[in-house]
Amino acid sequence: MGSAAWVLVLMAGAAGGASAWQTVGPPLPEFDAASIKPHETEPLGMGMAGGPMTAARMDVVRTRIPGRVTFSIGKVDAENVTARQLIVQAYDLRADQVTGGPDWLDLDRFDLVAKAGTAAEDPQLRLMLRSLLTDRFRLAAHRETKDMRAYSLTIRKPGPQLTEWKEGYRFAPSQKKGVVGVYRGHGTMQQLAEVLAHDPLVDHPVVDRTGLSGVYVLRLEWKKYGTILSGLKALGLRVHTERQPVEVLVVDAVESPREN
């Protein structure tokens, strides 16, 4: 990463808003246009050991090539992604919070281009992606809790070091030396737990156990060899691992998608 600090900025929703898992109420918004096609892998020719690349070995290589889902204003692009990756992104979950489904969910690869009719941003685009999965993949899923290892976000003694967020709050530049990572934003403890869980270096879901209900200024900084979790100490917070109930999405039914 080098010596330069990198910054993540949280665009937090309103406290107490509807759950991201909401499945009842008005119909979900839809994209104006969307294209889904099987991803075409280039012929790999010879194997790593010099022999011919068999279909089975091509599948192994293909599953190791990471795909990407990109959200921009009014548009979602995905290249070389699995159906499970699309489900994870649509519900804004970790991969280990989506269970069930046939093997091809993790094997078959797709390219997707989906455009909204408005300047929709991430929350709306994810809802549109759910609609698309229901329409093109015939996805049916339900929520349940699963006992699994997770991080509990709790308060460190002697207590939280948090500032209530107010409109117009401005972050001052960091004065600490050796900082290589910074997270800054505002939100509830539940929203902070979600941000922590989505960090690529955090290896378990994160569950808010602080009991705090306010909206706070959130600034986490960490130095070389640290992670975003290292920045919790300055806020009077900590995490520890334990087995506990975590909400997961279970795939009940899904079909290979209809193109376009």
Protein backbone atom coordinates (compact mmCIF):
# COMPACT_ATOMS: atom_id res chain seq x y z
CA MET A 1 0.00 0.00 0.00
CA GLY A 2 2.98 2.29 0.55
CA SER A 3 3.08 5.26 2.87
CA ALA A 4 0.15 7.17 1.40
CA ALA A 5 -3.07 6.98 3.40
CA TRP A 6 -6.25 5.87 1.68
CA VAL A 7 -9.71 7.06 2.62
CA LEU A 8 -13.14 5.43 2.64
CA VAL A 9 -16.13 7.73 3.02
CA LEU A 10 -19.45 6.37 4.33
CA MET A 11 -22.65 7.72 2.82
CA ALA A 12 -24.84 6.65 5.73
CA GLY A 13 -28.60 6.30 5.44
CA ALA A 14 -31.03 7.75 7.92
CA ALA A 15 -31.00 6.12 11.32
CA GLY A 16 -33.88 3.74 11.86
CA GLY A 17 -34.59 3.33 8.14
CA ALA A 18 -36.03 0.23 6.51
CA SER A 19 -33.90 -2.88 6.64
CA ALA A 20 -31.78 -3.68 3.61
CA TRP A 21 -33.47 -7.08 3.75
CA GLN A 22 -36.94 -5.62 3.18
CA THR A 23 -39.00 -8.00 1.02
CA VAL A 24 -42.56 -6.76 1.59
CA GLY A 25 -44.31 -3.59 0.51
CA PRO A 26 -44.28 -1.86 -2.90
CA PRO A 27 -42.70 -3.65 -5.88
CA LEU A 28 -38.94 -3.23 -6.15
CA PRO A 29 -37.65 -0.73 -8.74
CA GLU A 30 -36.38 -2.13 -12.03
CA PHE A 31 -33.66 -1.26 -14.53
CA ASP A 32 -34.66 0.42 -17.76
CA ALA A 33 -32.46 -2.00 -19.71
CA ALA A 34 -30.30 -4.94 -18.75
CA SER A 35 -28.14 -7.45 -20.61
CA ILE A 36 -26.89 -10.73 -19.13
CA LYS A 37 -24.65 -13.03 -21.14
CA PRO A 38 -22.40 -15.98 -20.36
CA HIS A 39 -18.82 -14.83 -19.92
CA GLU A 40 -16.65 -16.07 -22.78
CA THR A 41 -13.31 -17.33 -21.50
CA GLU A 42 -10.35 -17.17 -23.85
CA PRO A 43 -8.89 -20.53 -24.89
CA LEU A 44 -6.15 -21.40 -22.43
CA GLY A 45 -4.36 -23.89 -24.65
CA MET A 46 -1.65 -25.67 -22.71
CA GLY A 47 -1.77 -26.39 -19.00
CA MET A 48 0.72 -25.09 -16.47
CA ALA A 49 2.62 -28.38 -16.58
CA GLY A 50 2.84 -28.29 -20.38
CA GLY A 51 -0.01 -30.73 -21.05
CA PRO A 52 -3.35 -29.97 -22.67
CA MET A 53 -5.83 -27.95 -20.60
CA THR A 54 -8.81 -30.23 -19.99
CA ALA A 55 -12.33 -28.93 -19.45
CA ALA A 56 -12.08 -29.80 -15.76
CA ARG A 57 -8.82 -27.88 -15.38
CA MET A 58 -10.28 -24.93 -17.27
CA ASP A 59 -13.12 -24.86 -14.73
CA VAL A 60 -10.60 -24.77 -11.89
CA VAL A 61 -8.70 -21.88 -13.47
CA ARG A 62 -11.93 -20.06 -14.32
CA THR A 63 -13.21 -20.19 -10.75
CA ARG A 64 -9.99 -18.62 -9.48
CA ILE A 65 -10.25 -15.56 -11.72
CA PRO A 66 -12.03 -12.87 -9.69
CA GLY A 67 -14.89 -11.01 -11.28
CA ARG A 68 -16.09 -7.53 -10.40
CA VAL A 69 -19.44 -5.85 -9.86
CA THR A 70 -19.22 -2.08 -10.25
CA PHE A 71 -21.89 0.42 -9.18
CA SER A 72 -21.88 3.87 -10.75
CA ILE A 73 -24.57 6.54 -11.06
CA GLY A 74 -27.53 4.89 -12.80
CA LYS A 75 -25.60 1.80 -13.89
CA VAL A 76 -24.30 -1.60 -12.77
CA ASP A 77 -21.52 -3.38 -14.64
CA ALA A 78 -20.35 -6.91 -13.91
CA GLU A 79 -17.72 -8.90 -15.75
CA ASN A 80 -16.79 -12.54 -15.23
CA VAL A 81 -18.93 -12.90 -12.09
CA THR A 82 -20.86 -15.80 -10.61
CA ALA A 83 -24.55 -15.72 -9.84
CA ARG A 84 -23.69 -15.94 -6.14
CA GLN A 85 -21.59 -12.78 -6.47
CA LEU A 86 -24.59 -10.99 -7.96
CA ILE A 87 -26.80 -12.17 -5.09
CA VAL A 88 -24.20 -11.03 -2.53
CA GLN A 89 -24.07 -7.59 -4.14
CA ALA A 90 -27.84 -7.27 -4.55
CA TYR A 91 -28.39 -7.91 -0.84
CA ASP A 92 -25.19 -6.12 0.25
CA LEU A 93 -23.94 -9.12 2.21
CA ARG A 94 -20.75 -11.03 2.79
CA ALA A 95 -20.25 -14.17 0.69
CA ASP A 96 -20.53 -16.37 3.79
CA GLN A 97 -24.01 -14.95 4.46
CA VAL A 98 -25.49 -16.43 1.27
CA THR A 99 -26.04 -20.18 1.50
CA GLY A 100 -27.71 -22.93 -0.50
CA GLY A 101 -28.26 -23.23 -4.22
CA PRO A 102 -26.83 -25.50 -6.95
CA ASP A 103 -23.12 -25.86 -7.73
CA TRP A 104 -23.32 -23.70 -10.85
CA LEU A 105 -23.95 -20.63 -8.67
CA ASP A 106 -20.20 -20.67 -7.96
CA LEU A 107 -18.99 -22.01 -11.31
CA ASP A 108 -20.84 -20.40 -14.24
CA ARG A 109 -19.67 -16.91 -15.12
CA PHE A 110 -21.66 -14.00 -16.53
CA ASP A 111 -21.26 -10.48 -17.89
CA LEU A 112 -23.94 -7.96 -16.99
CA VAL A 113 -24.72 -4.39 -18.03
CA ALA A 114 -27.79 -2.83 -16.41
CA LYS A 115 -28.94 0.78 -16.74
CA ALA A 116 -31.49 2.67 -14.69
CA GLY A 117 -33.79 5.30 -16.12
CA THR A 118 -32.73 7.75 -13.40
CA ALA A 119 -29.53 8.82 -11.64
CA ALA A 120 -29.97 6.02 -9.11
CA GLU A 121 -27.21 5.37 -6.59
CA ASP A 122 -26.06 2.23 -4.73
CA PRO A 123 -29.11 1.55 -2.48
CA GLN A 124 -31.59 1.85 -5.36
CA LEU A 125 -29.33 -0.01 -7.78
CA ARG A 126 -29.07 -2.94 -5.37
CA LEU A 127 -32.88 -3.12 -5.18
CA MET A 128 -33.02 -3.10 -8.99
CA LEU A 129 -30.46 -5.89 -9.05
CA ARG A 130 -32.74 -7.93 -6.78
CA SER A 131 -35.60 -7.40 -9.26
CA LEU A 132 -33.33 -8.52 -12.08
CA LEU A 133 -32.32 -11.69 -10.21
CA THR A 134 -35.97 -12.51 -9.61
CA ASP A 135 -36.86 -11.94 -13.27
CA ARG A 136 -33.89 -13.43 -15.13
CA PHE A 137 -32.64 -16.02 -12.64
CA ARG A 138 -36.03 -16.86 -11.10
CA LEU A 139 -34.35 -16.42 -7.73
CA ALA A 140 -36.37 -17.35 -4.64
CA ALA A 141 -34.76 -16.95 -1.22
CA HIS A 142 -35.59 -16.47 2.43
CA ARG A 143 -33.90 -15.18 5.55
CA GLU A 144 -32.97 -17.19 8.59
CA THR A 145 -30.42 -17.11 11.38
CA LYS A 146 -27.40 -19.37 11.38
CA ASP A 147 -25.08 -20.10 14.27
CA MET A 148 -21.61 -19.16 13.01
CA ARG A 149 -18.38 -17.53 14.11
CA ALA A 150 -18.68 -13.75 14.01
CA TYR A 151 -17.20 -10.63 15.50
CA SER A 152 -19.18 -8.91 18.25
CA LEU A 153 -18.76 -5.12 18.23
CA THR A 154 -18.75 -4.06 21.89
CA ILE A 155 -17.70 -1.17 24.13
CA ARG A 156 -14.17 -1.10 25.53
CA LYS A 157 -13.59 -0.05 29.14
CA PRO A 158 -13.86 2.62 30.49
CA GLY A 159 -16.48 3.50 27.86
CA PRO A 160 -17.16 4.77 24.33
CA GLN A 161 -15.20 7.76 22.99
CA LEU A 162 -17.82 8.88 20.48
CA THR A 163 -19.09 12.25 19.28
CA GLU A 164 -22.69 12.72 18.18
CA TRP A 165 -22.77 13.63 14.51
CA LYS A 166 -24.35 16.94 13.47
CA GLU A 167 -25.02 18.35 10.02
CA GLY A 168 -22.04 20.34 8.77
CA TYR A 169 -19.41 18.45 10.78
CA ARG A 170 -15.99 18.70 9.10
CA PHE A 171 -13.12 16.27 9.56
CA ALA A 172 -9.76 17.81 10.39
CA PRO A 173 -6.64 16.39 8.66
CA SER A 174 -4.93 13.55 10.48
CA GLN A 175 -2.09 14.57 12.78
CA LYS A 176 -0.80 11.06 13.42
CA LYS A 177 2.42 9.85 11.82
CA GLY A 178 2.64 6.57 9.99
CA VAL A 179 -1.08 6.31 9.23
CA VAL A 180 -1.68 4.18 6.13
CA GLY A 181 -5.45 3.73 6.35
CA VAL A 182 -8.32 6.03 7.28
CA TYR A 183 -12.06 5.45 7.43
CA ARG A 184 -14.20 8.52 8.00
CA GLY A 185 -17.93 9.04 7.92
CA HIS A 186 -20.96 9.05 10.18
CA GLY A 187 -23.58 6.52 11.07
CA THR A 188 -25.08 4.20 13.65
CA MET A 189 -23.22 1.33 15.28
CA GLN A 190 -25.21 -1.05 13.07
CA GLN A 191 -23.96 0.78 9.99
CA LEU A 192 -20.40 0.71 11.35
CA ALA A 193 -20.69 -3.06 11.87
CA GLU A 194 -21.77 -3.44 8.23
CA VAL A 195 -18.83 -1.34 7.03
CA LEU A 196 -16.39 -3.42 9.08
CA ALA A 197 -17.87 -6.68 7.79
CA HIS A 198 -17.40 -5.60 4.16
CA ASP A 199 -13.70 -4.80 4.57
CA PRO A 200 -11.71 -7.42 2.59
CA LEU A 201 -9.35 -8.00 5.54
CA VAL A 202 -12.17 -8.74 8.02
CA ASP A 203 -12.77 -12.49 7.95
CA HIS A 204 -16.11 -12.82 9.79
CA PRO A 205 -19.50 -11.09 9.88
CA VAL A 206 -19.74 -8.29 12.45
CA VAL A 207 -22.71 -7.99 14.82
CA ASP A 208 -23.44 -4.79 16.76
CA ARG A 209 -23.59 -5.56 20.49
CA THR A 210 -22.87 -2.04 21.77
CA GLY A 211 -26.46 -1.14 22.68
CA LEU A 212 -25.83 2.39 21.35
CA SER A 213 -28.57 3.94 19.22
CA GLY A 214 -27.19 7.33 18.18
CA VAL A 215 -25.60 8.58 14.96
CA TYR A 216 -21.92 9.24 15.54
CA VAL A 217 -18.83 10.72 13.94
CA LEU A 218 -16.77 7.74 12.81
CA ARG A 219 -13.07 8.11 12.19
CA LEU A 220 -10.80 5.07 12.28
CA GLU A 221 -7.08 5.22 11.53
CA TRP A 222 -4.53 2.43 11.40
CA LYS A 223 -0.82 2.09 10.76
CA LYS A 224 1.27 -0.37 8.80
CA TYR A 225 0.34 -4.02 9.43
CA GLY A 226 -2.94 -2.89 11.03
CA THR A 227 -6.48 -3.15 9.67
CA ILE A 228 -9.67 -1.14 9.96
CA LEU A 229 -10.35 -3.05 13.20
CA SER A 230 -7.22 -1.49 14.71
CA GLY A 231 -8.92 1.91 14.55
CA LEU A 232 -11.75 0.91 16.89
CA LYS A 233 -9.66 1.46 20.03
CA ALA A 234 -9.67 5.26 19.59
CA LEU A 235 -13.49 5.17 19.59
CA GLY A 236 -13.62 3.13 22.79
CA LEU A 237 -14.82 0.08 20.86
CA ARG A 238 -13.53 -3.43 20.30
CA VAL A 239 -14.40 -6.69 18.58
CA HIS A 240 -14.09 -10.28 19.76
CA THR A 241 -15.03 -13.51 18.06
CA GLU A 242 -17.70 -15.90 19.27
CA ARG A 243 -20.28 -18.22 17.78
CA GLN A 244 -23.62 -16.45 17.60
CA PRO A 245 -26.77 -16.23 15.48
CA VAL A 246 -26.15 -14.31 12.25
CA GLU A 247 -28.79 -13.46 9.67
CA VAL A 248 -28.18 -15.23 6.35
CA LEU A 249 -29.93 -15.45 3.00
CA VAL A 250 -30.83 -18.99 1.92
CA VAL A 251 -31.29 -19.68 -1.80
CA ASP A 252 -34.41 -21.81 -2.22
CA ALA A 253 -34.59 -21.89 -6.03
CA VAL A 254 -32.67 -20.41 -8.94
CA GLU A 255 -32.44 -21.03 -12.68
CA SER A 256 -29.81 -20.33 -15.29
CA PRO A 257 -30.66 -16.86 -16.59
CA ARG A 258 -32.44 -15.93 -19.76
CA GLU A 259 -30.21 -13.70 -21.86
CA ASN A 260 -31.28 -10.09 -22.42
